[in-house]
Amino acid sequence: MRLWHTGEPTSRSRQIWSSWRGWLKGWITVVVAIANCTLLFASNAATKPNVIVIMTDDQGYGEFSCHGNPVVQTPHIDRLAAHSMRLTDFHVSPMCTPTRGQLMTGLDAFRNGAINVSSGRTLLRPELSTMADVFRTAGYRTGVFGKWHLGDNYPLRAMDQGFDESLVHGGGGLTQPGDYPENHYLNPTMLHNGKFEPTEGYCSDVYTTALMKFIDENREGPFFAYLPFNAPHTPLEVPEEWVKPYRDQGLDETTAKVYAMVTNIDDNLGRLDEHLKKLGLFERTMLIFLTDNGPQQDRYRSGMHGLKGTVYEGGTRVPCFIRYPGHLEAGKITAAPAAHFDLMPTILEVCGVEMPGDLKIDGMSLWSHLTQGTELPERSFFFQWHRGDVPEMYQACAMRRGRYKLVQSKYLPEVKDPDRLPWELYDLENDPAESKNLADADPKRLMEMREAYRKWFEDVSSTRGYDPPRIILGHDRETESVLTWQDWRGPKAGWGKDGLGHWVVHVERPKPGEPAAK
């Protein structure tokens, strides 16, 4: 077929040319549209910040040289703090799982279901939207490397809760019942996207290297990465090269090993920063650093009272550094009270990612406060953690409002009358060490705060029952399921040889012709 000739065009040739021109114009329009979409996507990827959230395990407020510790060496974390906005009155839960669940959902632990560290109480309600879910829906690539501790079976694993890439240990820690048998901190066998695989190196190094590989693969962005180290949690396994400098100073073995693990983490943060700079991503990445609770052992605590597992300041007050070059003033400090569940709405606002319309959270965005100094409303913060099957009113709890803090630190389930419990009241502005109990001197304030706590407890308890979510067996997403002591339930469901318990499960009905789950 000829489209061109030297003579006058015939009606037939005009018709053919008209048809061809229309077809060509249509294709040009499609190509331009695709190019524009590609440019728009590239532009959005370039303008949306990458996000990295780093959390360490059982590292207290005082275990940083920038917080006055005269022994521990944390030069890279100190540099991070100097280039970050620092939240100096930032709080988490007294134990790790509740902190992790609230960080991921923006919801109080009593609402999201992850209320304890074992006994089937670490399981995050699967119908909730996690931060990873929201980021992935918004076009981010998502990855987690380290300690998940919110469920090891479908639909509770990190890979079921919004993470595209996951490299995690099982249970609540390396060597624990939910983890790979006879695992260790050196050369650990890890769950990579649901399958156990061997790794080489010290665990904190392995996580950081995996994160750096994830960044390499997603350097065009945007990405959301979560790096929850399991150090310096026990058992205190760490290479001798990191321990020797502290042992040589005459420190006891426990402190020397904890500080060695902290310094190794610090070294990995230095590696990560160098990697971001090498890829040209340092300025485009928002990095948040915090710890999950106070220290497990009695060490330097910056003058605070209490350890991990307690509702005193030493158990719940932790560092929080937020670095976003060009957007947050380096070295600026805010002493406004804030908490773990505030990070999700804050990060999402920075990234221009909208919350799902039906998602109601307990936290609030801090962004206008951090950038413009907008005053935050006075809020009440509540802390509670104890053993047992369900939360119990007035047991091992605390409430913070402004400068005052109400504390009932003991777990006394046999005492049903709240008037018989040992209440404490502190003025944190004048007594940050919680050493002067004002309960007898200010009974009116104590009763007002106690009533506010009661209303809060009834509110979070009325949201839903405390039945844990069910592990689903026989699902396509997990064709082989291993149930461990980590998640079994019952009054004797411990980790000892005499433990006895049961698992709460749902068995998927097989499709016609498929074998039943075994």
Foldseek 3Di string as FASTA:
>chain_A
DDLDDDDDDDPVSVVVVVVVVVVVVVVVVVVVVVVVVVVVVLVLFQQFFAEEEEAEEQAFAQLDVCLPDPDFDQVLVNVLQQQFAWAQQEWAFLHFLQRLLLLFQLAGCLQQQCFDQFFQRSAGDLVGQTLLNLCVVVPAAEEEFEANSHDLFPPGDPLNRRHPWYKYAAGGAFPDFRGDPPADQAQGFTQTLRDTDTDHGGRLLVRLVVVLVVCVVAVSDHYYYYYYHHPPDPPLDDDPVLQVVVVVVVDPNVVSSRSSRVNVNSVSSVVNCVSCVVSVNNQRYKYKYKYNFAHPDDDDRSLADDGRPAPGCRTIRIMITIHHPPQFHRNHYDHDYFYSSQVSQQSCVSSVGDDPPVRDHDYHHCRCCRRVVPDDDWDKDKYAHDDDDHDDPPARMKMDTPQKIKGQHHGDVVDPDNVPGDIFMDRCVVCVRSPDGCCVVCVPVNVVVSVVSVVVVVVSCVSDDNDRDAREACDPSPPDDDDTLRNFHDPQSDDDPPGDGHGGHHYDDDDPPDDGTD
